[in-house]
Each structure stands twice: as C-alpha cells, then as structure tokens.
Amino acid sequence: MKPVEFALRLGEGQNAGSISMHLESTTWKLSGIGLPSKVLANIVDRLPTR
C-alpha cells in the first residue's frame, strides 16, 4: 500500500483545524486547509454585503 494523500487534524474539538497533503512525484504538497468553525464564521461575518 502506498499512501498518496492524508489529512492531519490540528487539535481537538471545535477549535481544531486540519491540513491535507498529497504526494506529487516524490514530494508531499499542501492540498487543503480546514479552518476551525469559529475562524471560518469570523471570516464569513467580515465579508462585504451588497
């Protein structure tokens, strides 16, 4: 078995974020960032409204 992608959770509970990595050739590269729900809600609240 050869892993080609994995996710790593950074903490526990609602305040935990995560990252996803994928294997490209012989190098691991960042493929995603999972923000904690509080951080994501804060960003959404700051978006301009029309």
C-alpha atoms as a PDB file:
ATOM      1  CA  MET A   1       0.000   0.000   0.000  1.00  0.00           C
ATOM      2  CA  LYS A   2       1.327   3.424  -0.973  1.00  0.00           C
ATOM      3  CA  PRO A   3      -0.310   6.472   0.623  1.00  0.00           C
ATOM      4  CA  VAL A   4      -0.934   9.319  -1.811  1.00  0.00           C
ATOM      5  CA  GLU A   5      -2.986  11.637   0.399  1.00  0.00           C
ATOM      6  CA  PHE A   6      -3.549  12.202   4.105  1.00  0.00           C
ATOM      7  CA  ALA A   7      -5.232  14.671   6.443  1.00  0.00           C
ATOM      8  CA  LEU A   8      -3.826  15.787   9.764  1.00  0.00           C
ATOM      9  CA  ARG A   9      -6.091  17.239  12.419  1.00  0.00           C
ATOM     10  CA  LEU A  10      -4.512  20.036  14.445  1.00  0.00           C
ATOM     11  CA  GLY A  11      -6.122  19.829  17.879  1.00  0.00           C
ATOM     12  CA  GLU A  12      -9.367  18.527  19.305  1.00  0.00           C
ATOM     13  CA  GLY A  13     -12.966  19.702  19.384  1.00  0.00           C
ATOM     14  CA  GLN A  14     -14.479  22.664  17.563  1.00  0.00           C
ATOM     15  CA  ASN A  15     -11.275  24.695  17.773  1.00  0.00           C
ATOM     16  CA  ALA A  16      -9.297  22.170  15.738  1.00  0.00           C
ATOM     17  CA  GLY A  17      -8.145  22.905  12.244  1.00  0.00           C
ATOM     18  CA  SER A  18      -6.658  20.480   9.756  1.00  0.00           C
ATOM     19  CA  ILE A  19      -4.371  20.236   6.775  1.00  0.00           C
ATOM     20  CA  SER A  20      -4.431  17.852   3.820  1.00  0.00           C
ATOM     21  CA  MET A  21      -1.313  16.757   1.971  1.00  0.00           C
ATOM     22  CA  HIS A  22      -0.942  14.871  -1.303  1.00  0.00           C
ATOM     23  CA  LEU A  23       2.012  13.094  -2.844  1.00  0.00           C
ATOM     24  CA  GLU A  24       3.192  14.606  -6.105  1.00  0.00           C
ATOM     25  CA  SER A  25       6.035  12.606  -7.627  1.00  0.00           C
ATOM     26  CA  THR A  26       8.386  12.267  -4.620  1.00  0.00           C
ATOM     27  CA  THR A  27       7.258  15.364  -2.682  1.00  0.00           C
ATOM     28  CA  TRP A  28       4.392  15.968  -0.261  1.00  0.00           C
ATOM     29  CA  LYS A  29       2.441  19.126  -1.094  1.00  0.00           C
ATOM     30  CA  LEU A  30      -0.267  21.001   0.764  1.00  0.00           C
ATOM     31  CA  SER A  31      -3.652  20.348  -0.847  1.00  0.00           C
ATOM     32  CA  GLY A  32      -6.051  21.891   1.670  1.00  0.00           C
ATOM     33  CA  ILE A  33      -6.530  23.756   4.908  1.00  0.00           C
ATOM     34  CA  GLY A  34      -9.510  23.093   7.164  1.00  0.00           C
ATOM     35  CA  LEU A  35     -10.258  26.090   9.355  1.00  0.00           C
ATOM     36  CA  PRO A  36     -11.925  25.749  12.745  1.00  0.00           C
ATOM     37  CA  SER A  37     -15.624  26.638  12.616  1.00  0.00           C
ATOM     38  CA  LYS A  38     -15.159  29.772  14.771  1.00  0.00           C
ATOM     39  CA  VAL A  39     -12.438  31.114  12.483  1.00  0.00           C
ATOM     40  CA  LEU A  40     -14.470  30.341   9.373  1.00  0.00           C
ATOM     41  CA  ALA A  41     -17.563  32.044  10.838  1.00  0.00           C
ATOM     42  CA  ASN A  42     -15.473  35.110  11.695  1.00  0.00           C
ATOM     43  CA  ILE A  43     -14.172  35.329   8.117  1.00  0.00           C
ATOM     44  CA  VAL A  44     -17.683  34.955   6.677  1.00  0.00           C
ATOM     45  CA  ASP A  45     -19.006  37.663   9.008  1.00  0.00           C
ATOM     46  CA  ARG A  46     -16.384  40.090   7.662  1.00  0.00           C
ATOM     47  CA  LEU A  47     -17.282  39.569   4.011  1.00  0.00           C
ATOM     48  CA  PRO A  48     -18.870  42.620   2.404  1.00  0.00           C
ATOM     49  CA  THR A  49     -22.610  42.513   1.838  1.00  0.00           C
ATOM     50  CA  ARG A  50     -24.404  44.017  -1.131  1.00  0.00           C
END
